[in-house]
Amino acid sequence: MNVPSAPIARLRRRSLGFSLVEVVLAVGIAALGIITVLGLIPHGLEISRKTGNEMASHRIASVLFAEYQAGDWNDLGSGTFTETRYFDSDGVEILTSSSNFEGRLAYVAEATIPSQGEALPSNAGGSSAQSPYLRRVIVQVANTTDKGFNFPSVGSSSSSGSAANTPNIDVYSQLIAKYH
């Protein structure tokens, strides 16, 4: 009968599994990695939500700029033109008469076109003039479900109400020109 010697038997027993120190280190490293990943999930979700809001806000402003540029110049009138429009969470316009308006409302946009034309750069003589064929469109977009939301006046940095319940307002500005 062949009986292994004591040192060989001890080596076999050691090679059959991991030591307690190795297991504790492996579990600690795995736990650290898992906790780090779980800690990043809320941050990633917040960034995703903000990105979605910015994309919808930008889409709304782009649509309004395109409509005013393509529209009839005479519809804007000679005074300051202001219009409020309503949009759903995807940035698609909804009418106040549509079904479930209150449930779908996610963004309120206000477009303002000041009465005066834009000043052109001065010429060689040093004089500058307002162009009757160039107007600035200012679009403010608020992520709010309040149909009666009051935007701050254009150029103002504050709005009514406390900062805690005031939605973020994105402001966009673009020049439009009248085609002859």
N, C-alpha and C. Protein backbone atom coordinates (compact mmCIF):
# COMPACT_ATOMS: atom_id res chain seq x y z
N MET A 1 0.83 -1.15 0.00
CA MET A 1 0.00 0.00 0.00
C MET A 1 0.89 1.24 0.00
N ASN A 2 0.50 2.14 -0.81
CA ASN A 2 1.26 3.36 -1.00
C ASN A 2 0.66 4.48 -0.16
N VAL A 3 1.32 4.95 0.83
CA VAL A 3 0.84 6.03 1.69
C VAL A 3 1.69 7.26 1.40
N PRO A 4 1.03 8.38 1.02
CA PRO A 4 1.81 9.57 0.74
C PRO A 4 2.45 10.10 2.01
N SER A 5 3.54 10.70 1.82
CA SER A 5 4.23 11.27 2.97
C SER A 5 3.48 12.51 3.46
N ALA A 6 3.74 12.92 4.67
CA ALA A 6 3.02 14.03 5.31
C ALA A 6 3.17 15.36 4.56
N PRO A 7 4.35 15.76 4.08
CA PRO A 7 4.45 17.04 3.37
C PRO A 7 3.63 17.07 2.09
N ILE A 8 3.56 15.97 1.35
CA ILE A 8 2.78 15.94 0.11
C ILE A 8 1.29 16.05 0.42
N ALA A 9 0.82 15.40 1.45
CA ALA A 9 -0.59 15.47 1.84
C ALA A 9 -0.96 16.89 2.22
N ARG A 10 -0.06 17.57 2.94
CA ARG A 10 -0.33 18.95 3.33
C ARG A 10 -0.41 19.86 2.10
N LEU A 11 0.43 19.67 1.11
CA LEU A 11 0.40 20.47 -0.11
C LEU A 11 -0.91 20.26 -0.87
N ARG A 12 -1.39 19.01 -0.91
CA ARG A 12 -2.65 18.74 -1.60
C ARG A 12 -3.81 19.45 -0.92
N ARG A 13 -3.84 19.43 0.41
CA ARG A 13 -4.93 20.09 1.13
C ARG A 13 -4.91 21.60 0.89
N ARG A 14 -3.77 22.21 0.83
CA ARG A 14 -3.67 23.65 0.59
C ARG A 14 -4.11 24.01 -0.83
N SER A 15 -3.87 23.18 -1.78
CA SER A 15 -4.20 23.51 -3.16
C SER A 15 -5.66 23.22 -3.49
N LEU A 16 -6.43 22.67 -2.57
CA LEU A 16 -7.83 22.36 -2.85
C LEU A 16 -8.74 23.58 -2.77
N GLY A 17 -8.38 24.69 -2.19
CA GLY A 17 -9.25 25.86 -2.06
C GLY A 17 -8.46 27.12 -1.80
N PHE A 18 -9.23 28.21 -1.58
CA PHE A 18 -8.61 29.50 -1.29
C PHE A 18 -8.49 29.67 0.21
N SER A 19 -7.54 30.44 0.59
CA SER A 19 -7.39 30.73 2.02
C SER A 19 -8.39 31.81 2.41
N LEU A 20 -8.63 31.95 3.69
CA LEU A 20 -9.57 32.94 4.20
C LEU A 20 -9.14 34.36 3.81
N VAL A 21 -7.88 34.65 3.85
CA VAL A 21 -7.37 35.97 3.48
C VAL A 21 -7.67 36.27 2.01
N GLU A 22 -7.49 35.31 1.13
CA GLU A 22 -7.77 35.51 -0.29
C GLU A 22 -9.26 35.76 -0.53
N VAL A 23 -10.10 35.03 0.16
CA VAL A 23 -11.56 35.20 0.01
C VAL A 23 -11.99 36.57 0.51
N VAL A 24 -11.49 37.00 1.65
CA VAL A 24 -11.85 38.31 2.21
C VAL A 24 -11.40 39.43 1.27
N LEU A 25 -10.20 39.34 0.74
CA LEU A 25 -9.73 40.37 -0.20
C LEU A 25 -10.57 40.40 -1.47
N ALA A 26 -10.92 39.25 -2.01
CA ALA A 26 -11.74 39.20 -3.23
C ALA A 26 -13.12 39.78 -2.99
N VAL A 27 -13.74 39.44 -1.87
CA VAL A 27 -15.07 39.97 -1.55
C VAL A 27 -14.99 41.48 -1.33
N GLY A 28 -13.95 41.96 -0.69
CA GLY A 28 -13.78 43.40 -0.47
C GLY A 28 -13.63 44.17 -1.76
N ILE A 29 -12.84 43.66 -2.67
CA ILE A 29 -12.65 44.32 -3.97
C ILE A 29 -13.95 44.32 -4.77
N ALA A 30 -14.66 43.19 -4.77
CA ALA A 30 -15.94 43.11 -5.50
C ALA A 30 -16.96 44.06 -4.89
N ALA A 31 -17.03 44.13 -3.55
CA ALA A 31 -17.98 45.03 -2.89
C ALA A 31 -17.67 46.49 -3.22
N LEU A 32 -16.41 46.84 -3.22
CA LEU A 32 -16.02 48.22 -3.56
C LEU A 32 -16.46 48.58 -4.98
N GLY A 33 -16.26 47.68 -5.91
CA GLY A 33 -16.67 47.93 -7.30
C GLY A 33 -18.18 48.04 -7.43
N ILE A 34 -18.91 47.16 -6.78
CA ILE A 34 -20.38 47.18 -6.87
C ILE A 34 -20.94 48.44 -6.23
N ILE A 35 -20.43 48.82 -5.07
CA ILE A 35 -20.91 50.03 -4.40
C ILE A 35 -20.61 51.26 -5.23
N THR A 36 -19.47 51.31 -5.87
CA THR A 36 -19.13 52.45 -6.73
C THR A 36 -20.09 52.56 -7.90
N VAL A 37 -20.38 51.45 -8.54
CA VAL A 37 -21.31 51.46 -9.68
C VAL A 37 -22.71 51.85 -9.22
N LEU A 38 -23.17 51.31 -8.10
CA LEU A 38 -24.50 51.66 -7.59
C LEU A 38 -24.57 53.14 -7.20
N GLY A 39 -23.48 53.70 -6.72
CA GLY A 39 -23.46 55.11 -6.38
C GLY A 39 -23.53 56.02 -7.60
N LEU A 40 -23.10 55.54 -8.75
CA LEU A 40 -23.12 56.36 -9.97
C LEU A 40 -24.48 56.34 -10.66
N ILE A 41 -25.33 55.39 -10.34
CA ILE A 41 -26.63 55.28 -11.02
C ILE A 41 -27.49 56.53 -10.84
N PRO A 42 -27.69 57.06 -9.62
CA PRO A 42 -28.51 58.28 -9.49
C PRO A 42 -27.93 59.46 -10.27
N HIS A 43 -26.62 59.60 -10.26
CA HIS A 43 -25.97 60.69 -11.00
C HIS A 43 -26.22 60.54 -12.50
N GLY A 44 -26.11 59.33 -13.00
CA GLY A 44 -26.36 59.08 -14.42
C GLY A 44 -27.80 59.35 -14.80
N LEU A 45 -28.74 58.98 -13.94
CA LEU A 45 -30.15 59.24 -14.21
C LEU A 45 -30.44 60.74 -14.22
N GLU A 46 -29.83 61.48 -13.32
CA GLU A 46 -30.02 62.93 -13.27
C GLU A 46 -29.47 63.59 -14.53
N ILE A 47 -28.32 63.17 -14.97
CA ILE A 47 -27.73 63.71 -16.21
C ILE A 47 -28.62 63.38 -17.40
N SER A 48 -29.16 62.17 -17.43
CA SER A 48 -30.04 61.77 -18.52
C SER A 48 -31.31 62.62 -18.55
N ARG A 49 -31.88 62.90 -17.38
CA ARG A 49 -33.09 63.73 -17.30
C ARG A 49 -32.79 65.16 -17.77
N LYS A 50 -31.68 65.72 -17.31
CA LYS A 50 -31.31 67.08 -17.72
C LYS A 50 -31.05 67.16 -19.22
N THR A 51 -30.41 66.16 -19.77
CA THR A 51 -30.14 66.14 -21.21
C THR A 51 -31.44 66.08 -21.99
N GLY A 52 -32.38 65.27 -21.54
CA GLY A 52 -33.68 65.20 -22.20
C GLY A 52 -34.40 66.53 -22.17
N ASN A 53 -34.35 67.23 -21.03
CA ASN A 53 -34.98 68.55 -20.92
C ASN A 53 -34.31 69.56 -21.85
N GLU A 54 -32.99 69.53 -21.91
CA GLU A 54 -32.27 70.46 -22.79
C GLU A 54 -32.58 70.19 -24.26
N MET A 55 -32.66 68.93 -24.62
CA MET A 55 -32.97 68.59 -26.02
C MET A 55 -34.38 69.04 -26.39
N ALA A 56 -35.35 68.81 -25.51
CA ALA A 56 -36.72 69.22 -25.80
C ALA A 56 -36.81 70.74 -25.86
N SER A 57 -36.14 71.43 -24.95
CA SER A 57 -36.15 72.89 -24.93
C SER A 57 -35.53 73.45 -26.22
N HIS A 58 -34.43 72.88 -26.64
CA HIS A 58 -33.77 73.33 -27.88
C HIS A 58 -34.66 73.05 -29.10
N ARG A 59 -35.31 71.90 -29.11
CA ARG A 59 -36.21 71.55 -30.21
C ARG A 59 -37.37 72.55 -30.29
N ILE A 60 -37.93 72.92 -29.14
CA ILE A 60 -39.03 73.89 -29.11
C ILE A 60 -38.57 75.23 -29.67
N ALA A 61 -37.41 75.71 -29.23
CA ALA A 61 -36.90 77.00 -29.72
C ALA A 61 -36.63 76.93 -31.22
N SER A 62 -36.07 75.85 -31.70
CA SER A 62 -35.78 75.71 -33.13
C SER A 62 -37.05 75.74 -33.96
N VAL A 63 -38.09 75.08 -33.49
CA VAL A 63 -39.37 75.07 -34.21
C VAL A 63 -39.95 76.48 -34.27
N LEU A 64 -39.91 77.20 -33.15
CA LEU A 64 -40.46 78.56 -33.14
C LEU A 64 -39.66 79.49 -34.04
N PHE A 65 -38.33 79.40 -33.99
CA PHE A 65 -37.51 80.24 -34.88
C PHE A 65 -37.84 79.96 -36.34
N ALA A 66 -37.97 78.71 -36.70
CA ALA A 66 -38.28 78.35 -38.09
C ALA A 66 -39.65 78.87 -38.50
N GLU A 67 -40.64 78.78 -37.62
CA GLU A 67 -41.98 79.28 -37.94
C GLU A 67 -41.98 80.79 -38.17
N TYR A 68 -41.29 81.53 -37.31
CA TYR A 68 -41.27 82.99 -37.48
C TYR A 68 -40.48 83.40 -38.72
N GLN A 69 -39.40 82.69 -39.01
CA GLN A 69 -38.62 83.00 -40.21
C GLN A 69 -39.43 82.72 -41.47
N ALA A 70 -40.18 81.62 -41.48
CA ALA A 70 -40.94 81.24 -42.67
C ALA A 70 -42.29 81.95 -42.76
N GLY A 71 -42.74 82.54 -41.66
CA GLY A 71 -44.06 83.17 -41.64
C GLY A 71 -44.09 84.51 -42.36
N ASP A 72 -45.29 85.07 -42.39
CA ASP A 72 -45.50 86.37 -43.02
C ASP A 72 -44.98 87.47 -42.10
N TRP A 73 -44.10 88.29 -42.63
CA TRP A 73 -43.47 89.37 -41.86
C TRP A 73 -44.52 90.34 -41.31
N ASN A 74 -45.58 90.58 -42.06
CA ASN A 74 -46.61 91.53 -41.64
C ASN A 74 -47.41 91.02 -40.45
N ASP A 75 -47.45 89.70 -40.22
CA ASP A 75 -48.17 89.15 -39.07
C ASP A 75 -47.51 89.55 -37.75
N LEU A 76 -46.23 89.90 -37.80
CA LEU A 76 -45.52 90.27 -36.58
C LEU A 76 -45.87 91.68 -36.13
N GLY A 77 -46.41 92.48 -37.03
CA GLY A 77 -46.81 93.84 -36.70
C GLY A 77 -45.61 94.75 -36.49
N SER A 78 -45.89 96.00 -36.14
CA SER A 78 -44.81 96.97 -35.95
C SER A 78 -44.43 97.11 -34.48
N GLY A 79 -45.30 96.67 -33.57
CA GLY A 79 -45.00 96.76 -32.14
C GLY A 79 -44.30 95.50 -31.65
N THR A 80 -44.14 95.44 -30.35
CA THR A 80 -43.54 94.24 -29.75
C THR A 80 -44.54 93.10 -29.85
N PHE A 81 -44.08 91.99 -30.36
CA PHE A 81 -44.92 90.80 -30.56
C PHE A 81 -44.56 89.77 -29.50
N THR A 82 -45.56 89.27 -28.77
CA THR A 82 -45.33 88.24 -27.76
C THR A 82 -46.37 87.15 -27.93
N GLU A 83 -45.92 85.90 -27.86
CA GLU A 83 -46.82 84.76 -28.02
C GLU A 83 -46.39 83.65 -27.06
N THR A 84 -47.38 83.03 -26.40
CA THR A 84 -47.12 81.91 -25.50
C THR A 84 -47.64 80.63 -26.14
N ARG A 85 -46.82 79.58 -26.11
CA ARG A 85 -47.19 78.28 -26.69
C ARG A 85 -46.92 77.20 -25.67
N TYR A 86 -47.59 76.05 -25.85
CA TYR A 86 -47.51 74.96 -24.88
C TYR A 86 -47.05 73.68 -25.57
N PHE A 87 -46.23 72.88 -24.85
CA PHE A 87 -45.63 71.68 -25.43
C PHE A 87 -45.66 70.53 -24.44
N ASP A 88 -45.66 69.30 -24.99
CA ASP A 88 -45.64 68.11 -24.13
C ASP A 88 -44.20 67.72 -23.80
N SER A 89 -44.02 66.60 -23.14
CA SER A 89 -42.68 66.19 -22.68
C SER A 89 -41.72 65.87 -23.82
N ASP A 90 -42.25 65.62 -25.03
CA ASP A 90 -41.40 65.35 -26.18
C ASP A 90 -41.07 66.61 -26.97
N GLY A 91 -41.63 67.75 -26.57
CA GLY A 91 -41.40 68.99 -27.30
C GLY A 91 -42.36 69.19 -28.45
N VAL A 92 -43.48 68.46 -28.44
CA VAL A 92 -44.50 68.58 -29.49
C VAL A 92 -45.57 69.55 -28.99
N GLU A 93 -45.95 70.50 -29.84
CA GLU A 93 -46.91 71.51 -29.43
C GLU A 93 -48.27 70.89 -29.14
N ILE A 94 -48.92 71.37 -28.09
CA ILE A 94 -50.28 70.96 -27.76
C ILE A 94 -51.14 72.21 -27.65
N LEU A 95 -52.37 72.10 -28.11
CA LEU A 95 -53.31 73.21 -28.06
C LEU A 95 -54.06 73.16 -26.74
N THR A 96 -54.47 74.34 -26.25
CA THR A 96 -55.20 74.38 -24.98
C THR A 96 -56.54 73.67 -25.09
N SER A 97 -57.07 73.54 -26.29
CA SER A 97 -58.36 72.88 -26.49
C SER A 97 -58.23 71.36 -26.65
N SER A 98 -57.00 70.84 -26.69
CA SER A 98 -56.82 69.40 -26.90
C SER A 98 -57.20 68.62 -25.64
N SER A 99 -57.54 67.35 -25.85
CA SER A 99 -57.94 66.51 -24.73
C SER A 99 -56.74 66.26 -23.82
N ASN A 100 -57.01 66.23 -22.53
CA ASN A 100 -55.99 65.97 -21.51
C ASN A 100 -54.84 66.97 -21.60
N PHE A 101 -55.17 68.23 -21.86
CA PHE A 101 -54.15 69.28 -21.98
C PHE A 101 -53.31 69.38 -20.70
N GLU A 102 -53.99 69.45 -19.56
CA GLU A 102 -53.28 69.61 -18.28
C GLU A 102 -52.35 68.43 -18.00
N GLY A 103 -52.76 67.22 -18.37
CA GLY A 103 -51.94 66.04 -18.12
C GLY A 103 -50.73 65.94 -19.04
N ARG A 104 -50.83 66.53 -20.21
CA ARG A 104 -49.73 66.44 -21.19
C ARG A 104 -48.76 67.62 -21.12
N LEU A 105 -49.18 68.73 -20.50
CA LEU A 105 -48.35 69.94 -20.47
C LEU A 105 -47.05 69.70 -19.71
N ALA A 106 -45.93 69.98 -20.36
CA ALA A 106 -44.62 69.82 -19.72
C ALA A 106 -43.74 71.06 -19.90
N TYR A 107 -43.95 71.81 -20.99
CA TYR A 107 -43.13 73.00 -21.27
C TYR A 107 -44.04 74.15 -21.69
N VAL A 108 -43.69 75.34 -21.22
CA VAL A 108 -44.35 76.56 -21.67
C VAL A 108 -43.27 77.41 -22.32
N ALA A 109 -43.58 77.92 -23.52
CA ALA A 109 -42.60 78.73 -24.26
C ALA A 109 -43.21 80.09 -24.57
N GLU A 110 -42.40 81.11 -24.45
CA GLU A 110 -42.84 82.46 -24.79
C GLU A 110 -41.86 83.04 -25.80
N ALA A 111 -42.40 83.47 -26.93
CA ALA A 111 -41.59 84.11 -27.96
C ALA A 111 -41.87 85.61 -27.93
N THR A 112 -40.81 86.40 -27.93
CA THR A 112 -40.94 87.85 -27.93
C THR A 112 -40.10 88.40 -29.07
N ILE A 113 -40.74 89.28 -29.85
CA ILE A 113 -40.03 89.96 -30.93
C ILE A 113 -40.15 91.45 -30.67
N PRO A 114 -39.07 92.10 -30.22
CA PRO A 114 -39.13 93.53 -29.93
C PRO A 114 -39.53 94.35 -31.16
N SER A 115 -40.11 95.52 -30.91
CA SER A 115 -40.64 96.34 -32.00
C SER A 115 -39.56 96.91 -32.92
N GLN A 116 -38.44 97.30 -32.38
CA GLN A 116 -37.41 97.91 -33.22
C GLN A 116 -36.61 96.85 -33.95
N GLY A 117 -36.13 97.24 -35.12
CA GLY A 117 -35.24 96.35 -35.87
C GLY A 117 -33.87 96.32 -35.21
N GLU A 118 -33.03 95.45 -35.68
CA GLU A 118 -31.68 95.33 -35.13
C GLU A 118 -30.78 96.40 -35.73
N ALA A 119 -29.87 96.89 -34.91
CA ALA A 119 -28.91 97.88 -35.39
C ALA A 119 -27.85 97.19 -36.22
N LEU A 120 -27.61 97.75 -37.38
CA LEU A 120 -26.56 97.24 -38.25
C LEU A 120 -25.23 97.85 -37.86
N PRO A 121 -24.13 97.20 -38.17
CA PRO A 121 -22.82 97.79 -37.86
C PRO A 121 -22.67 99.14 -38.55
N SER A 122 -21.90 100.01 -37.93
CA SER A 122 -21.73 101.35 -38.51
C SER A 122 -20.94 101.26 -39.80
N ASN A 123 -21.26 102.19 -40.69
CA ASN A 123 -20.55 102.22 -41.97
C ASN A 123 -19.31 103.11 -41.84
N ALA A 124 -18.67 103.38 -42.95
CA ALA A 124 -17.43 104.17 -42.94
C ALA A 124 -17.65 105.56 -42.37
N GLY A 125 -18.85 106.11 -42.51
CA GLY A 125 -19.14 107.45 -42.00
C GLY A 125 -19.37 107.46 -40.50
N GLY A 126 -19.47 106.31 -39.87
CA GLY A 126 -19.64 106.25 -38.43
C GLY A 126 -21.08 106.17 -37.97
N SER A 127 -22.03 106.23 -38.90
CA SER A 127 -23.43 106.17 -38.48
C SER A 127 -23.95 104.74 -38.57
N SER A 128 -24.86 104.41 -37.69
CA SER A 128 -25.50 103.09 -37.76
C SER A 128 -27.00 103.32 -37.80
N ALA A 129 -27.71 102.36 -38.33
CA ALA A 129 -29.15 102.52 -38.47
C ALA A 129 -29.85 101.23 -38.09
N GLN A 130 -31.11 101.36 -37.69
CA GLN A 130 -31.93 100.19 -37.41
C GLN A 130 -32.41 99.63 -38.74
N SER A 131 -32.32 98.34 -38.90
CA SER A 131 -32.77 97.71 -40.13
C SER A 131 -34.23 97.29 -39.99
N PRO A 132 -35.09 97.77 -40.88
CA PRO A 132 -36.50 97.35 -40.81
C PRO A 132 -36.70 95.92 -41.31
N TYR A 133 -35.67 95.32 -41.87
CA TYR A 133 -35.77 93.96 -42.42
C TYR A 133 -35.10 92.91 -41.53
N LEU A 134 -34.71 93.31 -40.33
CA LEU A 134 -34.02 92.40 -39.43
C LEU A 134 -34.60 92.54 -38.03
N ARG A 135 -35.13 91.44 -37.46
CA ARG A 135 -35.72 91.48 -36.12
C ARG A 135 -35.14 90.34 -35.28
N ARG A 136 -35.03 90.59 -34.01
CA ARG A 136 -34.53 89.56 -33.07
C ARG A 136 -35.72 88.83 -32.46
N VAL A 137 -35.63 87.50 -32.44
CA VAL A 137 -36.64 86.66 -31.79
C VAL A 137 -36.00 86.10 -30.52
N ILE A 138 -36.67 86.31 -29.39
CA ILE A 138 -36.20 85.79 -28.11
C ILE A 138 -37.22 84.76 -27.63
N VAL A 139 -36.77 83.54 -27.45
CA VAL A 139 -37.64 82.45 -27.00
C VAL A 139 -37.19 82.02 -25.61
N GLN A 140 -38.14 82.02 -24.68
CA GLN A 140 -37.90 81.52 -23.33
C GLN A 140 -38.70 80.24 -23.15
N VAL A 141 -38.07 79.18 -22.68
CA VAL A 141 -38.73 77.89 -22.49
C VAL A 141 -38.58 77.49 -21.03
N ALA A 142 -39.73 77.21 -20.39
CA ALA A 142 -39.72 76.78 -18.98
C ALA A 142 -40.26 75.37 -18.88
N ASN A 143 -39.61 74.55 -18.11
CA ASN A 143 -40.07 73.18 -17.85
C ASN A 143 -41.03 73.25 -16.67
N THR A 144 -42.30 73.50 -16.97
CA THR A 144 -43.32 73.66 -15.94
C THR A 144 -44.66 73.14 -16.45
N THR A 145 -45.51 72.74 -15.52
CA THR A 145 -46.86 72.31 -15.89
C THR A 145 -47.88 73.40 -15.58
N ASP A 146 -47.42 74.59 -15.26
CA ASP A 146 -48.28 75.73 -14.95
C ASP A 146 -48.62 76.48 -16.23
N LYS A 147 -49.87 76.36 -16.66
CA LYS A 147 -50.31 77.01 -17.90
C LYS A 147 -50.17 78.53 -17.81
N GLY A 148 -50.35 79.10 -16.64
CA GLY A 148 -50.29 80.54 -16.47
C GLY A 148 -48.93 81.04 -16.01
N PHE A 149 -47.88 80.29 -16.30
CA PHE A 149 -46.53 80.67 -15.86
C PHE A 149 -46.17 82.04 -16.43
N ASN A 150 -45.66 82.92 -15.56
CA ASN A 150 -45.24 84.26 -15.99
C ASN A 150 -43.73 84.29 -16.15
N PHE A 151 -43.29 84.52 -17.36
CA PHE A 151 -41.86 84.62 -17.63
C PHE A 151 -41.35 85.98 -17.18
N PRO A 152 -40.09 86.05 -16.76
CA PRO A 152 -39.52 87.36 -16.45
C PRO A 152 -39.40 88.16 -17.74
N SER A 153 -39.40 89.48 -17.60
CA SER A 153 -39.26 90.29 -18.81
C SER A 153 -37.92 90.01 -19.45
N VAL A 154 -37.87 90.14 -20.76
CA VAL A 154 -36.64 89.86 -21.50
C VAL A 154 -35.55 90.79 -21.01
N GLY A 155 -34.40 90.20 -20.68
CA GLY A 155 -33.27 90.97 -20.17
C GLY A 155 -33.19 90.96 -18.66
N SER A 156 -34.27 90.54 -17.98
CA SER A 156 -34.26 90.45 -16.53
C SER A 156 -33.70 89.10 -16.11
N SER A 157 -32.98 89.06 -15.00
CA SER A 157 -32.38 87.80 -14.56
C SER A 157 -33.20 87.11 -13.49
N SER A 158 -34.22 87.76 -12.96
CA SER A 158 -35.00 87.12 -11.90
C SER A 158 -36.44 86.96 -12.34
N SER A 159 -37.13 86.03 -11.69
CA SER A 159 -38.54 85.81 -11.97
C SER A 159 -39.30 85.88 -10.67
N SER A 160 -40.62 85.99 -10.77
CA SER A 160 -41.44 86.07 -9.57
C SER A 160 -41.47 84.72 -8.87
N GLY A 161 -41.65 84.74 -7.56
CA GLY A 161 -41.69 83.50 -6.79
C GLY A 161 -40.34 83.20 -6.20
N SER A 162 -40.33 82.23 -5.31
CA SER A 162 -39.07 81.87 -4.67
C SER A 162 -38.25 81.00 -5.60
N ALA A 163 -36.97 80.98 -5.35
CA ALA A 163 -36.07 80.20 -6.20
C ALA A 163 -36.33 78.70 -6.08
N ALA A 164 -36.91 78.27 -4.96
CA ALA A 164 -37.14 76.84 -4.75
C ALA A 164 -38.20 76.28 -5.69
N ASN A 165 -39.21 77.07 -6.02
CA ASN A 165 -40.27 76.55 -6.89
C ASN A 165 -40.28 77.19 -8.27
N THR A 166 -39.24 77.91 -8.63
CA THR A 166 -39.14 78.50 -9.95
C THR A 166 -38.45 77.50 -10.88
N PRO A 167 -39.11 77.16 -12.00
CA PRO A 167 -38.47 76.21 -12.92
C PRO A 167 -37.29 76.84 -13.65
N ASN A 168 -36.46 75.98 -14.18
CA ASN A 168 -35.33 76.44 -14.97
C ASN A 168 -35.85 77.01 -16.28
N ILE A 169 -35.38 78.18 -16.66
CA ILE A 169 -35.81 78.83 -17.90
C ILE A 169 -34.62 78.89 -18.84
N ASP A 170 -34.79 78.32 -20.02
CA ASP A 170 -33.76 78.40 -21.06
C ASP A 170 -34.14 79.54 -21.99
N VAL A 171 -33.18 80.41 -22.30
CA VAL A 171 -33.43 81.57 -23.16
C VAL A 171 -32.60 81.42 -24.43
N TYR A 172 -33.27 81.56 -25.58
CA TYR A 172 -32.61 81.46 -26.89
C TYR A 172 -32.90 82.75 -27.65
N SER A 173 -31.96 83.16 -28.49
CA SER A 173 -32.11 84.38 -29.27
C SER A 173 -31.58 84.14 -30.68
N GLN A 174 -32.32 84.65 -31.66
CA GLN A 174 -31.90 84.49 -33.05
C GLN A 174 -32.45 85.65 -33.87
N LEU A 175 -31.70 86.03 -34.90
CA LEU A 175 -32.16 87.07 -35.81
C LEU A 175 -32.92 86.44 -36.97
N ILE A 176 -34.02 87.10 -37.36
CA ILE A 176 -34.74 86.67 -38.56
C ILE A 176 -34.76 87.85 -39.52
N ALA A 177 -34.82 87.54 -40.80
CA ALA A 177 -34.77 88.58 -41.82
C ALA A 177 -35.98 88.47 -42.74
N LYS A 178 -36.43 89.63 -43.22
CA LYS A 178 -37.52 89.68 -44.18
C LYS A 178 -36.92 89.51 -45.58
N TYR A 179 -37.52 88.60 -46.33
CA TYR A 179 -37.08 88.40 -47.71
C TYR A 179 -37.86 89.35 -48.60
N HIS A 180 -37.18 89.97 -49.54
CA HIS A 180 -37.85 90.91 -50.46
C HIS A 180 -38.56 90.13 -51.53
